[in-house]
Each structure stands twice: as C-alpha cells, then as structure tokens.
Amino acid sequence: MNFLAHCALAHDAALTWNTGSGDRRGLLAGAFVGDFVKGPIPSDWPIALQAGARLHRRVDALSNVNPGIRQNCNRFPDHLRRFAPIFVDVLADHCLSEAWHEHYSHDLGDFAGECYEAIATHADLLPHHGRRFYSYMRDEDLLASYDNWRHVARGLHSVLRRLRREEWFEEVEQVSLSVLDDSRLDFAVYYPDLRQAWEDWDAFNAIAAPQSS
C-alpha cells in the first residue's frame, strides 16, 4: 500500500477502535510518518502516533501475504516480479483514488486536507527527505490526485530511481498500464480484506494499556 491507502486504512482503524478526534489525527499522521521511520518506534511519541506507525507496518506485513496482492504482482513479467510489490503499492493508490466513493462516503479532497493537517503536527519528527516529500505531497495535493496518471508515473519513476533502475521506467510504466484493468479487479477484492483486518488487532489500546496501569 502507498500513502493514500495507508491513511485511508488508518481512518478505518480509528473508526473500528472508536478513537477520539485527537487520536484519529495521530493515527493518520503515523500512517505517513511510519514510512520514514526505521527500527524501533520511539516510545516517547504520543500513543496515537505510535499506533499509527505500527499500523503502517501491520498493513505492509498483511500486504506481503495477501492472495489478491500476490495475484496482482504475478501479472508482472518474470524479470520485473522481484520489484512488483512496490509497483503494486503505487497502483493501489491509483485504484483507490478512482474508486474512492465505492469505499467511503466522505469527500476525498476533504480527507486529504485532514491528513495533511495531521501530518503537519508531527512533521518535525520526519527526517529531511520525509519533510521534503511531505511538502511536495501537500503542494501537489497528491493524496487527492492519484487518479491522475501523471502522479502514478512519477511515483514509479521515483521508485526506480531509488532502486537505481531508471532505465526500466518506460517498460515498467507500459506494463503497469497493460495490467491496470486487472489491477482494478484485484484491488476490488483485496482492499476490503485489509479494511476488515483491524477488528481483531487494536494497536492503539495495546500501546495505551501499559500507560494506564
């Protein structure tokens, strides 16, 4: 899952765990900040932010074993299969943006604005490259714009640059477009599975409980 899906799943978790508005903002921020934090999650962070970062890692772990996501990865040719999970993450945000109102009743633009404000509260905890990406994301209104293929292409290019495989970009983009219809069908199956995952796992109360004892 990429940034939009991580934030949307944090929203689902907030509803499932019946958190207040302040804790909801912490979960939304943690869903983003968690992508830029390696190693143990700092115990001095606010509880909701810790839970959001743990939720981010939980989503990644579930994504790695989800049959629908594996099926989507297998649509990529063998020589790209090793990196297909990363490409599928980017495509997931495109699919979610296109089908937003099939899953959520609130406006995507309003939700994106709420996420930006939540992240801003904790932006000082991000490393330099994380703050730089957050500024870009907000300036471009990226969370509300993943239906625009330009942002998908740029995301794929960014991935390949980090992998030092920029020469693959044209092929990866063309393959991604060729599997897009099937990716939409796969997404319609695996995303509801992920939305249900938080009913049996409550990171928020698991972290908060020791604090109240």
C-alpha atoms as a PDB file:
ATOM      1  CA  MET A   1       0.000   0.000   0.000  1.00  0.00           C
ATOM      2  CA  ASN A   2       1.089   3.531  -0.724  1.00  0.00           C
ATOM      3  CA  PHE A   3       0.344   6.804   1.096  1.00  0.00           C
ATOM      4  CA  LEU A   4      -3.357   7.244   0.297  1.00  0.00           C
ATOM      5  CA  ALA A   5      -4.234   3.650   1.153  1.00  0.00           C
ATOM      6  CA  HIS A   6      -2.190   3.759   4.370  1.00  0.00           C
ATOM      7  CA  CYS A   7      -4.022   6.896   5.505  1.00  0.00           C
ATOM      8  CA  ALA A   8      -7.414   5.504   4.496  1.00  0.00           C
ATOM      9  CA  LEU A   9      -6.761   2.297   6.433  1.00  0.00           C
ATOM     10  CA  ALA A  10      -5.738   4.389   9.449  1.00  0.00           C
ATOM     11  CA  HIS A  11      -9.118   6.099   9.134  1.00  0.00           C
ATOM     12  CA  ASP A  12     -10.779   2.672   9.157  1.00  0.00           C
ATOM     13  CA  ALA A  13      -8.788   1.663  12.226  1.00  0.00           C
ATOM     14  CA  ALA A  14      -9.798   4.866  14.037  1.00  0.00           C
ATOM     15  CA  LEU A  15     -13.454   4.027  13.450  1.00  0.00           C
ATOM     16  CA  THR A  16     -13.005   0.399  14.477  1.00  0.00           C
ATOM     17  CA  TRP A  17     -11.140   1.366  17.646  1.00  0.00           C
ATOM     18  CA  ASN A  18     -13.558   4.216  18.403  1.00  0.00           C
ATOM     19  CA  THR A  19     -10.835   6.794  18.994  1.00  0.00           C
ATOM     20  CA  GLY A  20     -11.412  10.494  19.621  1.00  0.00           C
ATOM     21  CA  SER A  21     -10.595  13.170  17.060  1.00  0.00           C
ATOM     22  CA  GLY A  22      -7.142  13.897  18.506  1.00  0.00           C
ATOM     23  CA  ASP A  23      -6.148  10.248  18.472  1.00  0.00           C
ATOM     24  CA  ARG A  24      -7.571   9.871  14.968  1.00  0.00           C
ATOM     25  CA  ARG A  25      -5.213  12.626  13.801  1.00  0.00           C
ATOM     26  CA  GLY A  26      -2.320  10.810  15.443  1.00  0.00           C
ATOM     27  CA  LEU A  27      -3.220   7.601  13.627  1.00  0.00           C
ATOM     28  CA  LEU A  28      -3.423   9.436  10.294  1.00  0.00           C
ATOM     29  CA  ALA A  29      -0.057  11.088  10.884  1.00  0.00           C
ATOM     30  CA  GLY A  30       1.537   7.819  11.989  1.00  0.00           C
ATOM     31  CA  ALA A  31       0.327   6.118   8.817  1.00  0.00           C
ATOM     32  CA  PHE A  32       2.527   8.537   6.881  1.00  0.00           C
ATOM     33  CA  VAL A  33       5.396   9.076   9.322  1.00  0.00           C
ATOM     34  CA  GLY A  34       5.741   5.304   9.704  1.00  0.00           C
ATOM     35  CA  ASP A  35       7.084   5.067   6.163  1.00  0.00           C
ATOM     36  CA  PHE A  36      10.114   7.127   7.124  1.00  0.00           C
ATOM     37  CA  VAL A  37      10.999   5.561  10.485  1.00  0.00           C
ATOM     38  CA  LYS A  38      13.323   2.577  10.599  1.00  0.00           C
ATOM     39  CA  GLY A  39      13.977   0.395  13.618  1.00  0.00           C
ATOM     40  CA  PRO A  40      12.027   0.575  16.894  1.00  0.00           C
ATOM     41  CA  ILE A  41       9.212   3.107  17.056  1.00  0.00           C
ATOM     42  CA  PRO A  42      10.156   5.702  19.716  1.00  0.00           C
ATOM     43  CA  SER A  43       8.305   5.098  22.957  1.00  0.00           C
ATOM     44  CA  ASP A  44       8.215   8.820  23.772  1.00  0.00           C
ATOM     45  CA  TRP A  45       5.975   9.561  20.801  1.00  0.00           C
ATOM     46  CA  PRO A  46       2.285  10.223  21.501  1.00  0.00           C
ATOM     47  CA  ILE A  47       0.379   6.957  21.842  1.00  0.00           C
ATOM     48  CA  ALA A  48      -1.758   7.539  18.755  1.00  0.00           C
ATOM     49  CA  LEU A  49       1.282   8.354  16.625  1.00  0.00           C
ATOM     50  CA  GLN A  50       2.991   5.154  17.781  1.00  0.00           C
ATOM     51  CA  ALA A  51      -0.160   3.210  16.950  1.00  0.00           C
ATOM     52  CA  GLY A  52      -0.334   4.789  13.500  1.00  0.00           C
ATOM     53  CA  ALA A  53       3.270   3.829  12.762  1.00  0.00           C
ATOM     54  CA  ARG A  54       2.654   0.274  13.997  1.00  0.00           C
ATOM     55  CA  LEU A  55      -0.468   0.167  11.861  1.00  0.00           C
ATOM     56  CA  HIS A  56       1.627   1.146   8.847  1.00  0.00           C
ATOM     57  CA  ARG A  57       3.925  -1.803   9.475  1.00  0.00           C
ATOM     58  CA  ARG A  58       0.970  -4.113  10.032  1.00  0.00           C
ATOM     59  CA  VAL A  59      -0.516  -3.087   6.683  1.00  0.00           C
ATOM     60  CA  ASP A  60       2.802  -3.815   4.983  1.00  0.00           C
ATOM     61  CA  ALA A  61       3.019  -7.226   6.642  1.00  0.00           C
ATOM     62  CA  LEU A  62      -0.535  -8.180   5.649  1.00  0.00           C
ATOM     63  CA  SER A  63       0.028  -6.905   2.122  1.00  0.00           C
ATOM     64  CA  ASN A  64       3.013  -9.211   1.720  1.00  0.00           C
ATOM     65  CA  VAL A  65       0.870 -12.312   2.247  1.00  0.00           C
ATOM     66  CA  ASN A  66      -2.496 -11.233   0.832  1.00  0.00           C
ATOM     67  CA  PRO A  67      -3.535 -13.583  -2.026  1.00  0.00           C
ATOM     68  CA  GLY A  68      -5.111 -10.795  -4.072  1.00  0.00           C
ATOM     69  CA  ILE A  69      -1.991  -8.670  -3.887  1.00  0.00           C
ATOM     70  CA  ARG A  70       0.168 -11.660  -4.783  1.00  0.00           C
ATOM     71  CA  GLN A  71      -2.073 -12.265  -7.781  1.00  0.00           C
ATOM     72  CA  ASN A  72      -1.632  -8.639  -8.825  1.00  0.00           C
ATOM     73  CA  CYS A  73       2.154  -8.958  -8.504  1.00  0.00           C
ATOM     74  CA  ASN A  74       2.108 -12.086 -10.638  1.00  0.00           C
ATOM     75  CA  ARG A  75       0.627 -10.112 -13.510  1.00  0.00           C
ATOM     76  CA  PHE A  76       4.039  -8.517 -13.997  1.00  0.00           C
ATOM     77  CA  PRO A  77       6.562 -10.393 -16.193  1.00  0.00           C
ATOM     78  CA  ASP A  78       9.128 -12.605 -14.513  1.00  0.00           C
ATOM     79  CA  HIS A  79      12.047 -10.217 -14.844  1.00  0.00           C
ATOM     80  CA  LEU A  80      10.086  -7.492 -13.003  1.00  0.00           C
ATOM     81  CA  ARG A  81       8.482  -9.799 -10.424  1.00  0.00           C
ATOM     82  CA  ARG A  82      11.073  -9.101  -7.729  1.00  0.00           C
ATOM     83  CA  PHE A  83      10.022  -5.447  -7.595  1.00  0.00           C
ATOM     84  CA  ALA A  84       6.356  -5.950  -8.476  1.00  0.00           C
ATOM     85  CA  PRO A  85       5.115  -5.456  -4.872  1.00  0.00           C
ATOM     86  CA  ILE A  86       6.464  -1.902  -4.955  1.00  0.00           C
ATOM     87  CA  PHE A  87       4.792  -1.189  -8.298  1.00  0.00           C
ATOM     88  CA  VAL A  88       1.533  -2.657  -6.994  1.00  0.00           C
ATOM     89  CA  ASP A  89       1.711  -0.323  -3.980  1.00  0.00           C
ATOM     90  CA  VAL A  90       1.733   2.657  -6.328  1.00  0.00           C
ATOM     91  CA  LEU A  91      -1.064   1.231  -8.463  1.00  0.00           C
ATOM     92  CA  ALA A  92      -3.155   0.628  -5.340  1.00  0.00           C
ATOM     93  CA  ASP A  93      -3.389   4.353  -4.630  1.00  0.00           C
ATOM     94  CA  HIS A  94      -4.463   4.948  -8.230  1.00  0.00           C
ATOM     95  CA  CYS A  95      -7.162   2.285  -7.950  1.00  0.00           C
ATOM     96  CA  LEU A  96      -8.343   3.623  -4.595  1.00  0.00           C
ATOM     97  CA  SER A  97      -8.491   7.195  -5.867  1.00  0.00           C
ATOM     98  CA  GLU A  98     -10.541   6.130  -8.893  1.00  0.00           C
ATOM     99  CA  ALA A  99     -12.945   4.056  -6.781  1.00  0.00           C
ATOM    100  CA  TRP A 100     -12.930   6.213  -3.631  1.00  0.00           C
ATOM    101  CA  HIS A 101     -16.709   6.629  -3.414  1.00  0.00           C
ATOM    102  CA  GLU A 102     -17.216   2.887  -3.728  1.00  0.00           C
ATOM    103  CA  HIS A 103     -15.467   2.521  -0.359  1.00  0.00           C
ATOM    104  CA  TYR A 104     -16.008   5.802   1.513  1.00  0.00           C
ATOM    105  CA  SER A 105     -18.832   8.293   1.842  1.00  0.00           C
ATOM    106  CA  HIS A 106     -16.705  11.330   2.727  1.00  0.00           C
ATOM    107  CA  ASP A 107     -15.057  13.549   0.121  1.00  0.00           C
ATOM    108  CA  LEU A 108     -11.528  12.593  -0.925  1.00  0.00           C
ATOM    109  CA  GLY A 109     -10.356  16.197  -1.076  1.00  0.00           C
ATOM    110  CA  ASP A 110     -11.585  16.857   2.466  1.00  0.00           C
ATOM    111  CA  PHE A 111      -9.932  13.679   3.698  1.00  0.00           C
ATOM    112  CA  ALA A 112      -6.644  14.628   2.035  1.00  0.00           C
ATOM    113  CA  GLY A 113      -6.733  18.006   3.752  1.00  0.00           C
ATOM    114  CA  GLU A 114      -7.321  16.352   7.104  1.00  0.00           C
ATOM    115  CA  CYS A 115      -4.315  14.087   6.514  1.00  0.00           C
ATOM    116  CA  TYR A 116      -2.027  16.985   5.598  1.00  0.00           C
ATOM    117  CA  GLU A 117      -3.010  18.855   8.749  1.00  0.00           C
ATOM    118  CA  ALA A 118      -2.470  15.759  10.901  1.00  0.00           C
ATOM    119  CA  ILE A 119       0.974  15.121   9.429  1.00  0.00           C
ATOM    120  CA  ALA A 120       1.948  18.775   9.856  1.00  0.00           C
ATOM    121  CA  THR A 121       1.514  18.416  13.615  1.00  0.00           C
ATOM    122  CA  HIS A 122       4.313  15.834  13.713  1.00  0.00           C
ATOM    123  CA  ALA A 123       6.390  16.886  10.691  1.00  0.00           C
ATOM    124  CA  ASP A 124       9.321  17.757  12.959  1.00  0.00           C
ATOM    125  CA  LEU A 125       9.761  14.025  13.618  1.00  0.00           C
ATOM    126  CA  LEU A 126      10.387  13.298   9.945  1.00  0.00           C
ATOM    127  CA  PRO A 127      13.913  13.027   8.519  1.00  0.00           C
ATOM    128  CA  HIS A 128      14.900  15.658   5.964  1.00  0.00           C
ATOM    129  CA  HIS A 129      13.789  13.621   2.944  1.00  0.00           C
ATOM    130  CA  GLY A 130      10.477  12.892   4.666  1.00  0.00           C
ATOM    131  CA  ARG A 131       9.803  16.589   5.297  1.00  0.00           C
ATOM    132  CA  ARG A 132      10.747  17.355   1.721  1.00  0.00           C
ATOM    133  CA  PHE A 133       8.347  14.712   0.385  1.00  0.00           C
ATOM    134  CA  TYR A 134       5.578  15.898   2.708  1.00  0.00           C
ATOM    135  CA  SER A 135       5.939  19.448   1.336  1.00  0.00           C
ATOM    136  CA  TYR A 136       5.779  18.101  -2.218  1.00  0.00           C
ATOM    137  CA  MET A 137       2.784  15.908  -1.405  1.00  0.00           C
ATOM    138  CA  ARG A 138       0.867  18.798   0.100  1.00  0.00           C
ATOM    139  CA  ASP A 139       1.795  21.295  -2.623  1.00  0.00           C
ATOM    140  CA  GLU A 140       0.669  18.850  -5.322  1.00  0.00           C
ATOM    141  CA  ASP A 141      -2.357  17.704  -3.286  1.00  0.00           C
ATOM    142  CA  LEU A 142      -1.095  14.237  -4.042  1.00  0.00           C
ATOM    143  CA  LEU A 143      -3.469  12.309  -1.789  1.00  0.00           C
ATOM    144  CA  ALA A 144      -6.440  13.700  -3.697  1.00  0.00           C
ATOM    145  CA  SER A 145      -4.826  13.370  -7.129  1.00  0.00           C
ATOM    146  CA  TYR A 146      -3.699   9.780  -7.567  1.00  0.00           C
ATOM    147  CA  ASP A 147      -6.402   9.308 -10.177  1.00  0.00           C
ATOM    148  CA  ASN A 148      -4.170  11.417 -12.430  1.00  0.00           C
ATOM    149  CA  TRP A 149      -1.767   9.002 -14.128  1.00  0.00           C
ATOM    150  CA  ARG A 150       0.935  11.676 -14.136  1.00  0.00           C
ATOM    151  CA  HIS A 151       1.352  11.181 -10.396  1.00  0.00           C
ATOM    152  CA  VAL A 152       1.429   7.407 -10.789  1.00  0.00           C
ATOM    153  CA  ALA A 153       4.143   7.661 -13.443  1.00  0.00           C
ATOM    154  CA  ARG A 154       6.144   9.988 -11.244  1.00  0.00           C
ATOM    155  CA  GLY A 155       5.777   7.574  -8.333  1.00  0.00           C
ATOM    156  CA  LEU A 156       7.009   4.674 -10.447  1.00  0.00           C
ATOM    157  CA  HIS A 157       9.936   6.753 -11.641  1.00  0.00           C
ATOM    158  CA  SER A 158      10.815   7.671  -8.057  1.00  0.00           C
ATOM    159  CA  VAL A 159      10.758   4.004  -7.070  1.00  0.00           C
ATOM    160  CA  LEU A 160      13.061   3.072  -9.937  1.00  0.00           C
ATOM    161  CA  ARG A 161      15.419   5.919  -9.120  1.00  0.00           C
ATOM    162  CA  ARG A 162      15.787   4.613  -5.562  1.00  0.00           C
ATOM    163  CA  LEU A 163      16.364   1.134  -6.973  1.00  0.00           C
ATOM    164  CA  ARG A 164      18.904   2.522  -9.452  1.00  0.00           C
ATOM    165  CA  ARG A 165      16.853   1.088 -12.305  1.00  0.00           C
ATOM    166  CA  GLU A 166      15.735   4.284 -14.013  1.00  0.00           C
ATOM    167  CA  GLU A 167      16.395   2.741 -17.408  1.00  0.00           C
ATOM    168  CA  TRP A 168      13.416   0.441 -16.747  1.00  0.00           C
ATOM    169  CA  PHE A 169      10.933   3.282 -16.453  1.00  0.00           C
ATOM    170  CA  GLU A 170       9.399   3.154 -19.925  1.00  0.00           C
ATOM    171  CA  GLU A 171       8.876  -0.608 -19.698  1.00  0.00           C
ATOM    172  CA  VAL A 172       7.529  -0.523 -16.134  1.00  0.00           C
ATOM    173  CA  GLU A 173       5.065   2.215 -16.986  1.00  0.00           C
ATOM    174  CA  GLN A 174       3.840   0.357 -20.082  1.00  0.00           C
ATOM    175  CA  VAL A 175       3.475  -2.910 -18.188  1.00  0.00           C
ATOM    176  CA  SER A 176       1.654  -1.109 -15.368  1.00  0.00           C
ATOM    177  CA  LEU A 177      -0.786   0.349 -17.878  1.00  0.00           C
ATOM    178  CA  SER A 178      -1.253  -3.032 -19.541  1.00  0.00           C
ATOM    179  CA  VAL A 179      -2.228  -4.713 -16.260  1.00  0.00           C
ATOM    180  CA  LEU A 180      -4.275  -1.789 -14.958  1.00  0.00           C
ATOM    181  CA  ASP A 181      -7.715  -3.214 -15.725  1.00  0.00           C
ATOM    182  CA  ASP A 182      -6.825  -6.453 -13.954  1.00  0.00           C
ATOM    183  CA  SER A 183      -5.258  -4.450 -11.122  1.00  0.00           C
ATOM    184  CA  ARG A 184      -8.575  -2.677 -10.593  1.00  0.00           C
ATOM    185  CA  LEU A 185     -10.318  -6.043 -10.313  1.00  0.00           C
ATOM    186  CA  ASP A 186      -7.673  -7.352  -7.902  1.00  0.00           C
ATOM    187  CA  PHE A 187      -7.921  -4.188  -5.811  1.00  0.00           C
ATOM    188  CA  ALA A 188     -11.693  -4.541  -5.510  1.00  0.00           C
ATOM    189  CA  VAL A 189     -11.065  -7.907  -3.817  1.00  0.00           C
ATOM    190  CA  TYR A 190      -8.025  -7.313  -1.616  1.00  0.00           C
ATOM    191  CA  TYR A 191      -8.764  -3.820  -0.327  1.00  0.00           C
ATOM    192  CA  PRO A 192     -11.957  -4.795   1.537  1.00  0.00           C
ATOM    193  CA  ASP A 193      -9.962  -7.630   3.134  1.00  0.00           C
ATOM    194  CA  LEU A 194      -7.452  -5.116   4.501  1.00  0.00           C
ATOM    195  CA  ARG A 195     -10.222  -2.820   5.750  1.00  0.00           C
ATOM    196  CA  GLN A 196     -11.560  -5.636   7.914  1.00  0.00           C
ATOM    197  CA  ALA A 197      -8.201  -6.522   9.440  1.00  0.00           C
ATOM    198  CA  TRP A 198      -8.383  -4.118  12.391  1.00  0.00           C
ATOM    199  CA  GLU A 199     -11.364  -5.747  14.090  1.00  0.00           C
ATOM    200  CA  ASP A 200      -9.047  -8.374  15.604  1.00  0.00           C
ATOM    201  CA  TRP A 201      -5.998  -6.164  16.181  1.00  0.00           C
ATOM    202  CA  ASP A 202      -6.009  -2.968  18.230  1.00  0.00           C
ATOM    203  CA  ALA A 203      -2.571  -1.340  18.269  1.00  0.00           C
ATOM    204  CA  PHE A 204      -3.945   1.763  19.966  1.00  0.00           C
ATOM    205  CA  ASN A 205      -5.197   0.055  23.124  1.00  0.00           C
ATOM    206  CA  ALA A 206      -2.282  -2.393  23.117  1.00  0.00           C
ATOM    207  CA  ILE A 207       0.112   0.548  23.478  1.00  0.00           C
ATOM    208  CA  ALA A 208      -2.113   2.663  25.709  1.00  0.00           C
ATOM    209  CA  ALA A 209      -2.874  -0.091  28.245  1.00  0.00           C
ATOM    210  CA  PRO A 210       0.561  -0.110  29.944  1.00  0.00           C
ATOM    211  CA  GLN A 211       0.409   3.656  30.256  1.00  0.00           C
ATOM    212  CA  SER A 212      -2.763   3.490  32.357  1.00  0.00           C
ATOM    213  CA  SER A 213      -1.580   0.798  34.747  1.00  0.00           C
END
